[in-house]
Amino acid sequence: MTNWNDKEGAGQVDRPDATMTPDQFKIIFQVTKEFHSIPEIRLQKEGIPVSHPSEIIEFARTIRRSISAGRVQVFFISPVSPDSKTLRIEDSAHAQSHVESQEFPYATAQHWWPLINLAIASLGPEELMFRTGYRQDEIDAASSPINALFSH
């Protein structure tokens, strides 16, 4: 679910954010682990630096470890100034638990959605199901918060 926070009384969009459940993230993580299967030539063709898949995989591992500790709040930041986009991964069962914030460069994070699509295309439907345990429609539904966050 994507939430657009309005400034109080101003009616202006303040900070776009996207909320992902731990179950959605579990699906995204399985696909993210497959980013190494994307041929380097495909990355170059899409204008994605070859280091970004590994950086996103490591970031996803950090998120996965943090989920077990309770609610996780993830901020995407630009190298120059804080970016206004936020991805929250929340477990409602742990709503009162400690909040751990993770920061990740927006320049890299914006490639997460295209990399998901490249991984799906590179693997094909049968290999995708074999490696991740999920079909494309399940992955599309789970990754919709990432798409919504970066498509605006």
C-alpha atoms as a PDB file:
ATOM      1  CA  MET A   1       0.000   0.000   0.000  1.00  0.00           C
ATOM      2  CA  THR A   2       1.361   3.418  -0.879  1.00  0.00           C
ATOM      3  CA  ASN A   3       0.620   6.324   1.417  1.00  0.00           C
ATOM      4  CA  TRP A   4       0.965   9.957   0.458  1.00  0.00           C
ATOM      5  CA  ASN A   5       1.399  12.132   3.537  1.00  0.00           C
ATOM      6  CA  ASP A   6      -0.155  15.576   3.208  1.00  0.00           C
ATOM      7  CA  LYS A   7       1.262  18.549   5.055  1.00  0.00           C
ATOM      8  CA  GLU A   8      -1.240  19.573   7.689  1.00  0.00           C
ATOM      9  CA  GLY A   9      -3.786  21.894   6.188  1.00  0.00           C
ATOM     10  CA  ALA A  10      -1.626  22.639   3.159  1.00  0.00           C
ATOM     11  CA  GLY A  11      -2.955  19.894   0.910  1.00  0.00           C
ATOM     12  CA  GLN A  12       0.518  19.405  -0.561  1.00  0.00           C
ATOM     13  CA  VAL A  13       2.271  16.079  -0.891  1.00  0.00           C
ATOM     14  CA  ASP A  14       4.955  16.025   1.790  1.00  0.00           C
ATOM     15  CA  ARG A  15       6.680  12.656   1.705  1.00  0.00           C
ATOM     16  CA  PRO A  16       5.736   9.717  -0.472  1.00  0.00           C
ATOM     17  CA  ASP A  17       6.228   6.423   1.267  1.00  0.00           C
ATOM     18  CA  ALA A  18       5.380   2.807   0.702  1.00  0.00           C
ATOM     19  CA  THR A  19       4.560   0.176   3.279  1.00  0.00           C
ATOM     20  CA  MET A  20       5.508  -3.436   2.785  1.00  0.00           C
ATOM     21  CA  THR A  21       4.606  -6.302   5.084  1.00  0.00           C
ATOM     22  CA  PRO A  22       7.231  -8.824   6.184  1.00  0.00           C
ATOM     23  CA  ASP A  23       5.426 -11.414   4.033  1.00  0.00           C
ATOM     24  CA  GLN A  24       5.734  -9.183   0.964  1.00  0.00           C
ATOM     25  CA  PHE A  25       9.382  -8.579   1.757  1.00  0.00           C
ATOM     26  CA  LYS A  26       9.985 -12.333   2.036  1.00  0.00           C
ATOM     27  CA  ILE A  27       8.895 -12.691  -1.596  1.00  0.00           C
ATOM     28  CA  ILE A  28      10.956  -9.681  -2.708  1.00  0.00           C
ATOM     29  CA  PHE A  29      13.994 -11.044  -0.902  1.00  0.00           C
ATOM     30  CA  GLN A  30      13.774 -14.368  -2.748  1.00  0.00           C
ATOM     31  CA  VAL A  31      13.820 -12.545  -6.105  1.00  0.00           C
ATOM     32  CA  THR A  32      16.481 -10.065  -4.990  1.00  0.00           C
ATOM     33  CA  LYS A  33      18.833 -12.954  -4.193  1.00  0.00           C
ATOM     34  CA  GLU A  34      18.602 -13.897  -7.888  1.00  0.00           C
ATOM     35  CA  PHE A  35      19.997 -10.570  -9.144  1.00  0.00           C
ATOM     36  CA  HIS A  36      23.355 -12.307  -9.706  1.00  0.00           C
ATOM     37  CA  SER A  37      21.695 -14.377 -12.428  1.00  0.00           C
ATOM     38  CA  ILE A  38      21.105 -11.262 -14.545  1.00  0.00           C
ATOM     39  CA  PRO A  39      23.693 -11.135 -17.338  1.00  0.00           C
ATOM     40  CA  GLU A  40      26.005  -8.124 -17.063  1.00  0.00           C
ATOM     41  CA  ILE A  41      25.199  -7.151 -20.655  1.00  0.00           C
ATOM     42  CA  ARG A  42      21.508  -6.746 -19.650  1.00  0.00           C
ATOM     43  CA  LEU A  43      22.519  -4.442 -16.803  1.00  0.00           C
ATOM     44  CA  GLN A  44      24.615  -2.323 -19.146  1.00  0.00           C
ATOM     45  CA  LYS A  45      21.805  -2.199 -21.698  1.00  0.00           C
ATOM     46  CA  GLU A  46      19.419  -0.913 -19.009  1.00  0.00           C
ATOM     47  CA  GLY A  47      21.952   1.613 -17.698  1.00  0.00           C
ATOM     48  CA  ILE A  48      22.231  -0.072 -14.309  1.00  0.00           C
ATOM     49  CA  PRO A  49      25.726   0.000 -12.784  1.00  0.00           C
ATOM     50  CA  VAL A  50      27.048  -3.538 -12.322  1.00  0.00           C
ATOM     51  CA  SER A  51      27.627  -2.909  -8.596  1.00  0.00           C
ATOM     52  CA  HIS A  52      23.970  -2.108  -7.858  1.00  0.00           C
ATOM     53  CA  PRO A  53      22.638  -5.702  -7.781  1.00  0.00           C
ATOM     54  CA  SER A  54      25.178  -6.689  -5.115  1.00  0.00           C
ATOM     55  CA  GLU A  55      24.522  -3.506  -3.127  1.00  0.00           C
ATOM     56  CA  ILE A  56      20.765  -4.107  -3.180  1.00  0.00           C
ATOM     57  CA  ILE A  57      21.232  -7.761  -2.182  1.00  0.00           C
ATOM     58  CA  GLU A  58      23.303  -6.697   0.831  1.00  0.00           C
ATOM     59  CA  PHE A  59      20.749  -4.034   1.741  1.00  0.00           C
ATOM     60  CA  ALA A  60      17.937  -6.604   1.492  1.00  0.00           C
ATOM     61  CA  ARG A  61      19.877  -8.894   3.845  1.00  0.00           C
ATOM     62  CA  THR A  62      20.134  -6.029   6.331  1.00  0.00           C
ATOM     63  CA  ILE A  63      16.383  -5.472   6.120  1.00  0.00           C
ATOM     64  CA  ARG A  64      15.744  -9.196   6.597  1.00  0.00           C
ATOM     65  CA  ARG A  65      17.869  -9.254   9.765  1.00  0.00           C
ATOM     66  CA  SER A  66      16.095  -6.141  11.065  1.00  0.00           C
ATOM     67  CA  ILE A  67      12.619  -7.556  10.494  1.00  0.00           C
ATOM     68  CA  SER A  68      13.270 -10.236  13.103  1.00  0.00           C
ATOM     69  CA  ALA A  69      13.945  -7.454  15.629  1.00  0.00           C
ATOM     70  CA  GLY A  70      10.550  -5.807  15.036  1.00  0.00           C
ATOM     71  CA  ARG A  71       9.373  -2.876  12.956  1.00  0.00           C
ATOM     72  CA  VAL A  72      11.823  -1.634  10.342  1.00  0.00           C
ATOM     73  CA  GLN A  73      11.857   1.767   8.734  1.00  0.00           C
ATOM     74  CA  VAL A  74      13.953   2.205   5.600  1.00  0.00           C
ATOM     75  CA  PHE A  75      14.876   5.582   4.144  1.00  0.00           C
ATOM     76  CA  PHE A  76      16.296   6.093   0.691  1.00  0.00           C
ATOM     77  CA  ILE A  77      18.710   9.024   0.678  1.00  0.00           C
ATOM     78  CA  SER A  78      20.439  10.884  -2.122  1.00  0.00           C
ATOM     79  CA  PRO A  79      24.214  11.424  -1.938  1.00  0.00           C
ATOM     80  CA  VAL A  80      23.772  15.212  -1.566  1.00  0.00           C
ATOM     81  CA  SER A  81      20.682  15.666   0.587  1.00  0.00           C
ATOM     82  CA  PRO A  82      18.033  13.466   2.191  1.00  0.00           C
ATOM     83  CA  ASP A  83      15.539  12.105  -0.289  1.00  0.00           C
ATOM     84  CA  SER A  84      11.880  12.340   0.575  1.00  0.00           C
ATOM     85  CA  LYS A  85      11.036   8.736  -0.288  1.00  0.00           C
ATOM     86  CA  THR A  86      10.643   6.163   2.443  1.00  0.00           C
ATOM     87  CA  LEU A  87      10.017   2.441   2.365  1.00  0.00           C
ATOM     88  CA  ARG A  88       8.613   1.047   5.608  1.00  0.00           C
ATOM     89  CA  ILE A  89       8.518  -2.644   6.303  1.00  0.00           C
ATOM     90  CA  GLU A  90       6.267  -3.270   9.264  1.00  0.00           C
ATOM     91  CA  ASP A  91       5.051  -6.222  11.247  1.00  0.00           C
ATOM     92  CA  SER A  92       1.826  -5.194  12.958  1.00  0.00           C
ATOM     93  CA  ALA A  93       2.390  -7.836  15.645  1.00  0.00           C
ATOM     94  CA  HIS A  94       5.454  -5.887  16.766  1.00  0.00           C
ATOM     95  CA  ALA A  95       4.003  -2.393  16.368  1.00  0.00           C
ATOM     96  CA  GLN A  96       5.283  -1.235  19.771  1.00  0.00           C
ATOM     97  CA  SER A  97       8.793  -2.630  19.295  1.00  0.00           C
ATOM     98  CA  HIS A  98      12.008  -0.704  18.791  1.00  0.00           C
ATOM     99  CA  VAL A  99      12.297   1.038  15.398  1.00  0.00           C
ATOM    100  CA  GLU A 100      15.588   0.567  13.597  1.00  0.00           C
ATOM    101  CA  SER A 101      16.219   2.927  10.697  1.00  0.00           C
ATOM    102  CA  GLN A 102      18.293   1.926   7.705  1.00  0.00           C
ATOM    103  CA  GLU A 103      19.493   4.377   5.072  1.00  0.00           C
ATOM    104  CA  PHE A 104      20.263   3.450   1.493  1.00  0.00           C
ATOM    105  CA  PRO A 105      21.272   5.650  -1.462  1.00  0.00           C
ATOM    106  CA  TYR A 106      18.364   6.547  -3.717  1.00  0.00           C
ATOM    107  CA  ALA A 107      20.594   6.293  -6.811  1.00  0.00           C
ATOM    108  CA  THR A 108      20.961   2.575  -6.112  1.00  0.00           C
ATOM    109  CA  ALA A 109      17.514   1.931  -4.622  1.00  0.00           C
ATOM    110  CA  GLN A 110      15.729   3.229  -7.705  1.00  0.00           C
ATOM    111  CA  HIS A 111      17.092   0.220  -9.610  1.00  0.00           C
ATOM    112  CA  TRP A 112      15.470  -2.325  -7.291  1.00  0.00           C
ATOM    113  CA  TRP A 113      12.209  -2.508  -9.297  1.00  0.00           C
ATOM    114  CA  PRO A 114      13.925  -2.706 -12.720  1.00  0.00           C
ATOM    115  CA  LEU A 115      16.242  -5.407 -11.339  1.00  0.00           C
ATOM    116  CA  ILE A 116      13.255  -7.420 -10.111  1.00  0.00           C
ATOM    117  CA  ASN A 117      11.832  -7.292 -13.633  1.00  0.00           C
ATOM    118  CA  LEU A 118      15.190  -8.198 -15.199  1.00  0.00           C
ATOM    119  CA  ALA A 119      15.559 -11.164 -12.840  1.00  0.00           C
ATOM    120  CA  ILE A 120      12.062 -12.377 -13.729  1.00  0.00           C
ATOM    121  CA  ALA A 121      12.810 -12.035 -17.447  1.00  0.00           C
ATOM    122  CA  SER A 122      16.248 -13.652 -17.146  1.00  0.00           C
ATOM    123  CA  LEU A 123      14.982 -16.674 -15.238  1.00  0.00           C
ATOM    124  CA  GLY A 124      11.742 -17.335 -17.083  1.00  0.00           C
ATOM    125  CA  PRO A 125       8.583 -18.657 -15.394  1.00  0.00           C
ATOM    126  CA  GLU A 126       9.720 -22.202 -14.580  1.00  0.00           C
ATOM    127  CA  GLU A 127      13.183 -21.281 -13.280  1.00  0.00           C
ATOM    128  CA  LEU A 128      11.677 -18.360 -11.349  1.00  0.00           C
ATOM    129  CA  MET A 129       9.292 -20.720  -9.562  1.00  0.00           C
ATOM    130  CA  PHE A 130      12.069 -23.276  -8.964  1.00  0.00           C
ATOM    131  CA  ARG A 131      14.530 -20.747  -7.499  1.00  0.00           C
ATOM    132  CA  THR A 132      12.188 -18.468  -5.572  1.00  0.00           C
ATOM    133  CA  GLY A 133       9.094 -20.554  -4.909  1.00  0.00           C
ATOM    134  CA  TYR A 134       6.888 -17.803  -6.343  1.00  0.00           C
ATOM    135  CA  ARG A 135       5.091 -17.035  -9.591  1.00  0.00           C
ATOM    136  CA  GLN A 136       5.423 -13.715 -11.388  1.00  0.00           C
ATOM    137  CA  ASP A 137       1.958 -12.536 -10.328  1.00  0.00           C
ATOM    138  CA  GLU A 138       2.863 -13.123  -6.659  1.00  0.00           C
ATOM    139  CA  ILE A 139       6.131 -11.250  -7.120  1.00  0.00           C
ATOM    140  CA  ASP A 140       4.390  -8.386  -8.946  1.00  0.00           C
ATOM    141  CA  ALA A 141       1.859  -8.041  -6.114  1.00  0.00           C
ATOM    142  CA  ALA A 142       4.532  -8.154  -3.404  1.00  0.00           C
ATOM    143  CA  SER A 143       6.810  -5.678  -5.164  1.00  0.00           C
ATOM    144  CA  SER A 144       4.090  -3.141  -5.945  1.00  0.00           C
ATOM    145  CA  PRO A 145       5.145  -0.874  -3.024  1.00  0.00           C
ATOM    146  CA  ILE A 146       8.644  -0.582  -4.500  1.00  0.00           C
ATOM    147  CA  ASN A 147       7.192   0.168  -7.926  1.00  0.00           C
ATOM    148  CA  ALA A 148       4.835   2.789  -6.467  1.00  0.00           C
ATOM    149  CA  LEU A 149       7.645   4.421  -4.525  1.00  0.00           C
ATOM    150  CA  PHE A 150       9.951   4.863  -7.484  1.00  0.00           C
ATOM    151  CA  SER A 151       7.435   5.481 -10.255  1.00  0.00           C
ATOM    152  CA  HIS A 152       6.490   8.930  -8.927  1.00  0.00           C
END
